[in-house]
Amino acid sequence: MVSRCLACGGKTSQKRIRTENWWGEEFTLVENVPAWVCAQCGEAYFDAEVCLALDQLRQNPPEVKASLQVPVYAYPEAS
């Protein structure tokens, strides 16, 4: 349990969140993940058991629930 945010010192509470992961070359989202979330800055922390469960998902991914299309933009070059 993380009761205070390591980034800003704010108080955390347990919530269910959507987290993003890079699994090799694939960008994935996992929904409904339990996390300790800072009320002040939004930083999220995971218990060890949750990290292990996410690693197991990566090793044996379940059926895809949904897919999203994401636009990609190029940052302008300096003149």
N, C-alpha and C. Protein backbone atom coordinates (compact mmCIF):
# COMPACT_ATOMS: atom_id res chain seq x y z
N MET A 1 0.84 -1.19 0.00
CA MET A 1 0.00 0.00 0.00
C MET A 1 0.88 1.24 0.00
N VAL A 2 0.56 2.18 -0.85
CA VAL A 2 1.26 3.46 -0.91
C VAL A 2 0.28 4.51 -0.41
N SER A 3 0.54 5.08 0.77
CA SER A 3 -0.41 6.04 1.34
C SER A 3 -0.12 7.48 0.93
N ARG A 4 1.13 7.75 0.53
CA ARG A 4 1.52 9.09 0.08
C ARG A 4 2.23 9.00 -1.27
N CYS A 5 1.97 9.95 -2.12
CA CYS A 5 2.57 10.00 -3.46
C CYS A 5 4.07 10.30 -3.35
N LEU A 6 4.86 9.53 -4.05
CA LEU A 6 6.31 9.76 -4.06
C LEU A 6 6.68 10.98 -4.91
N ALA A 7 5.80 11.37 -5.83
CA ALA A 7 6.08 12.51 -6.70
C ALA A 7 5.76 13.85 -6.03
N CYS A 8 4.60 13.94 -5.34
CA CYS A 8 4.19 15.24 -4.81
C CYS A 8 3.83 15.23 -3.33
N GLY A 9 3.75 14.04 -2.73
CA GLY A 9 3.39 13.95 -1.32
C GLY A 9 1.91 13.91 -1.03
N GLY A 10 1.08 13.94 -2.07
CA GLY A 10 -0.36 13.90 -1.90
C GLY A 10 -0.84 12.56 -1.36
N LYS A 11 -2.05 12.53 -0.86
CA LYS A 11 -2.64 11.31 -0.31
C LYS A 11 -3.17 10.44 -1.45
N THR A 12 -2.98 9.13 -1.32
CA THR A 12 -3.46 8.20 -2.34
C THR A 12 -4.68 7.44 -1.82
N SER A 13 -5.49 6.98 -2.76
CA SER A 13 -6.61 6.11 -2.44
C SER A 13 -6.69 5.04 -3.52
N GLN A 14 -7.28 3.91 -3.17
CA GLN A 14 -7.36 2.82 -4.12
C GLN A 14 -8.51 3.05 -5.09
N LYS A 15 -8.19 2.87 -6.38
CA LYS A 15 -9.16 3.02 -7.47
C LYS A 15 -8.88 1.96 -8.51
N ARG A 16 -9.80 1.81 -9.44
CA ARG A 16 -9.61 0.96 -10.61
C ARG A 16 -9.33 1.87 -11.80
N ILE A 17 -8.24 1.60 -12.51
CA ILE A 17 -7.82 2.48 -13.60
C ILE A 17 -7.57 1.69 -14.88
N ARG A 18 -7.36 2.43 -15.95
CA ARG A 18 -6.88 1.88 -17.22
C ARG A 18 -5.39 2.20 -17.28
N THR A 19 -4.59 1.19 -17.53
CA THR A 19 -3.15 1.41 -17.60
C THR A 19 -2.63 1.02 -18.98
N GLU A 20 -1.63 1.75 -19.43
CA GLU A 20 -1.03 1.46 -20.72
C GLU A 20 0.28 0.70 -20.52
N ASN A 21 0.57 -0.19 -21.46
CA ASN A 21 1.77 -1.02 -21.38
C ASN A 21 2.34 -1.21 -22.77
N TRP A 22 3.65 -1.30 -22.85
CA TRP A 22 4.31 -1.72 -24.08
C TRP A 22 4.66 -3.18 -23.89
N TRP A 23 4.08 -4.05 -24.68
CA TRP A 23 4.40 -5.47 -24.67
C TRP A 23 5.17 -5.75 -25.94
N GLY A 24 6.50 -5.63 -25.86
CA GLY A 24 7.34 -5.72 -27.06
C GLY A 24 7.09 -4.50 -27.90
N GLU A 25 6.69 -4.71 -29.14
CA GLU A 25 6.40 -3.60 -30.06
C GLU A 25 4.94 -3.19 -30.03
N GLU A 26 4.15 -3.85 -29.18
CA GLU A 26 2.70 -3.61 -29.16
C GLU A 26 2.31 -2.75 -27.96
N PHE A 27 1.58 -1.68 -28.24
CA PHE A 27 1.04 -0.80 -27.20
C PHE A 27 -0.32 -1.35 -26.80
N THR A 28 -0.51 -1.58 -25.49
CA THR A 28 -1.76 -2.17 -25.03
C THR A 28 -2.35 -1.37 -23.88
N LEU A 29 -3.65 -1.52 -23.68
CA LEU A 29 -4.35 -0.94 -22.54
C LEU A 29 -4.98 -2.08 -21.76
N VAL A 30 -4.90 -1.99 -20.44
CA VAL A 30 -5.57 -2.96 -19.57
C VAL A 30 -6.50 -2.18 -18.68
N GLU A 31 -7.78 -2.55 -18.67
CA GLU A 31 -8.79 -1.83 -17.90
C GLU A 31 -9.05 -2.50 -16.56
N ASN A 32 -9.60 -1.71 -15.64
CA ASN A 32 -10.07 -2.20 -14.35
C ASN A 32 -8.93 -2.71 -13.46
N VAL A 33 -7.78 -2.07 -13.54
CA VAL A 33 -6.60 -2.48 -12.78
C VAL A 33 -6.61 -1.76 -11.42
N PRO A 34 -6.48 -2.50 -10.31
CA PRO A 34 -6.43 -1.84 -9.01
C PRO A 34 -5.12 -1.09 -8.82
N ALA A 35 -5.21 0.15 -8.36
CA ALA A 35 -4.02 0.99 -8.18
C ALA A 35 -4.25 1.96 -7.03
N TRP A 36 -3.17 2.45 -6.48
CA TRP A 36 -3.21 3.54 -5.51
C TRP A 36 -2.96 4.82 -6.29
N VAL A 37 -3.92 5.73 -6.32
CA VAL A 37 -3.86 6.92 -7.17
C VAL A 37 -3.82 8.17 -6.30
N CYS A 38 -2.88 9.06 -6.61
CA CYS A 38 -2.73 10.32 -5.87
C CYS A 38 -3.89 11.26 -6.19
N ALA A 39 -4.51 11.79 -5.14
CA ALA A 39 -5.62 12.73 -5.31
C ALA A 39 -5.15 14.08 -5.82
N GLN A 40 -3.86 14.37 -5.64
CA GLN A 40 -3.32 15.67 -6.03
C GLN A 40 -2.81 15.70 -7.47
N CYS A 41 -1.97 14.72 -7.85
CA CYS A 41 -1.36 14.78 -9.18
C CYS A 41 -1.76 13.64 -10.11
N GLY A 42 -2.45 12.62 -9.58
CA GLY A 42 -2.92 11.52 -10.41
C GLY A 42 -1.93 10.39 -10.64
N GLU A 43 -0.74 10.49 -10.05
CA GLU A 43 0.25 9.40 -10.18
C GLU A 43 -0.35 8.10 -9.64
N ALA A 44 -0.08 6.99 -10.34
CA ALA A 44 -0.64 5.69 -9.94
C ALA A 44 0.47 4.74 -9.51
N TYR A 45 0.18 3.96 -8.48
CA TYR A 45 1.10 2.97 -7.94
C TYR A 45 0.39 1.63 -7.87
N PHE A 46 1.13 0.54 -8.17
CA PHE A 46 0.56 -0.80 -8.16
C PHE A 46 1.20 -1.64 -7.07
N ASP A 47 0.38 -2.45 -6.40
CA ASP A 47 0.91 -3.43 -5.45
C ASP A 47 1.67 -4.50 -6.23
N ALA A 48 2.54 -5.22 -5.53
CA ALA A 48 3.36 -6.26 -6.16
C ALA A 48 2.50 -7.32 -6.85
N GLU A 49 1.39 -7.70 -6.21
CA GLU A 49 0.52 -8.73 -6.79
C GLU A 49 -0.06 -8.27 -8.13
N VAL A 50 -0.39 -7.00 -8.21
CA VAL A 50 -0.94 -6.44 -9.46
C VAL A 50 0.13 -6.46 -10.54
N CYS A 51 1.35 -6.09 -10.20
CA CYS A 51 2.46 -6.12 -11.18
C CYS A 51 2.68 -7.53 -11.70
N LEU A 52 2.63 -8.52 -10.82
CA LEU A 52 2.79 -9.91 -11.23
C LEU A 52 1.65 -10.34 -12.16
N ALA A 53 0.43 -9.93 -11.83
CA ALA A 53 -0.72 -10.27 -12.67
C ALA A 53 -0.59 -9.63 -14.05
N LEU A 54 -0.11 -8.38 -14.12
CA LEU A 54 0.09 -7.72 -15.41
C LEU A 54 1.18 -8.43 -16.22
N ASP A 55 2.24 -8.89 -15.55
CA ASP A 55 3.28 -9.66 -16.24
C ASP A 55 2.72 -10.97 -16.79
N GLN A 56 1.84 -11.62 -16.03
CA GLN A 56 1.22 -12.85 -16.51
C GLN A 56 0.32 -12.59 -17.71
N LEU A 57 -0.39 -11.47 -17.69
CA LEU A 57 -1.22 -11.10 -18.85
C LEU A 57 -0.35 -10.92 -20.09
N ARG A 58 0.81 -10.30 -19.89
CA ARG A 58 1.73 -10.08 -21.02
C ARG A 58 2.21 -11.41 -21.59
N GLN A 59 2.50 -12.36 -20.70
CA GLN A 59 3.00 -13.68 -21.14
C GLN A 59 1.90 -14.48 -21.86
N ASN A 60 0.67 -14.38 -21.36
CA ASN A 60 -0.47 -15.12 -21.92
C ASN A 60 -1.65 -14.18 -22.09
N PRO A 61 -1.61 -13.34 -23.13
CA PRO A 61 -2.69 -12.35 -23.30
C PRO A 61 -4.05 -13.01 -23.50
N PRO A 62 -5.08 -12.46 -22.85
CA PRO A 62 -6.44 -12.97 -23.06
C PRO A 62 -6.96 -12.48 -24.41
N GLU A 63 -8.18 -12.84 -24.72
CA GLU A 63 -8.82 -12.37 -25.94
C GLU A 63 -8.95 -10.85 -25.89
N VAL A 64 -8.73 -10.20 -27.02
CA VAL A 64 -8.82 -8.74 -27.10
C VAL A 64 -10.27 -8.33 -26.87
N LYS A 65 -10.48 -7.38 -25.94
CA LYS A 65 -11.83 -6.89 -25.62
C LYS A 65 -12.29 -5.85 -26.64
N ALA A 66 -11.37 -4.95 -27.03
CA ALA A 66 -11.69 -3.88 -27.98
C ALA A 66 -10.39 -3.37 -28.58
N SER A 67 -10.50 -2.66 -29.68
CA SER A 67 -9.34 -2.03 -30.31
C SER A 67 -9.63 -0.55 -30.52
N LEU A 68 -8.60 0.26 -30.39
CA LEU A 68 -8.71 1.70 -30.61
C LEU A 68 -7.79 2.12 -31.74
N GLN A 69 -8.20 3.12 -32.47
CA GLN A 69 -7.35 3.71 -33.49
C GLN A 69 -6.83 5.02 -32.93
N VAL A 70 -5.51 5.23 -32.98
CA VAL A 70 -4.89 6.41 -32.38
C VAL A 70 -4.15 7.20 -33.46
N PRO A 71 -4.43 8.50 -33.59
CA PRO A 71 -3.69 9.31 -34.54
C PRO A 71 -2.25 9.52 -34.07
N VAL A 72 -1.31 9.59 -35.02
CA VAL A 72 0.11 9.82 -34.73
C VAL A 72 0.53 11.08 -35.46
N TYR A 73 1.18 11.98 -34.73
CA TYR A 73 1.62 13.26 -35.30
C TYR A 73 3.13 13.38 -35.20
N ALA A 74 3.72 14.13 -36.12
CA ALA A 74 5.15 14.40 -36.09
C ALA A 74 5.37 15.75 -35.41
N TYR A 75 6.32 15.81 -34.51
CA TYR A 75 6.69 17.07 -33.86
C TYR A 75 7.40 17.93 -34.90
N PRO A 76 7.05 19.23 -34.99
CA PRO A 76 7.67 20.07 -36.02
C PRO A 76 9.17 20.26 -35.76
N GLU A 77 9.93 20.23 -36.85
CA GLU A 77 11.37 20.44 -36.73
C GLU A 77 11.65 21.91 -36.48
N ALA A 78 12.72 22.17 -35.72
CA ALA A 78 13.11 23.57 -35.43
C ALA A 78 13.62 24.22 -36.70
N SER A 79 13.32 25.52 -36.85
CA SER A 79 13.79 26.23 -38.04
C SER A 79 15.08 26.94 -37.77
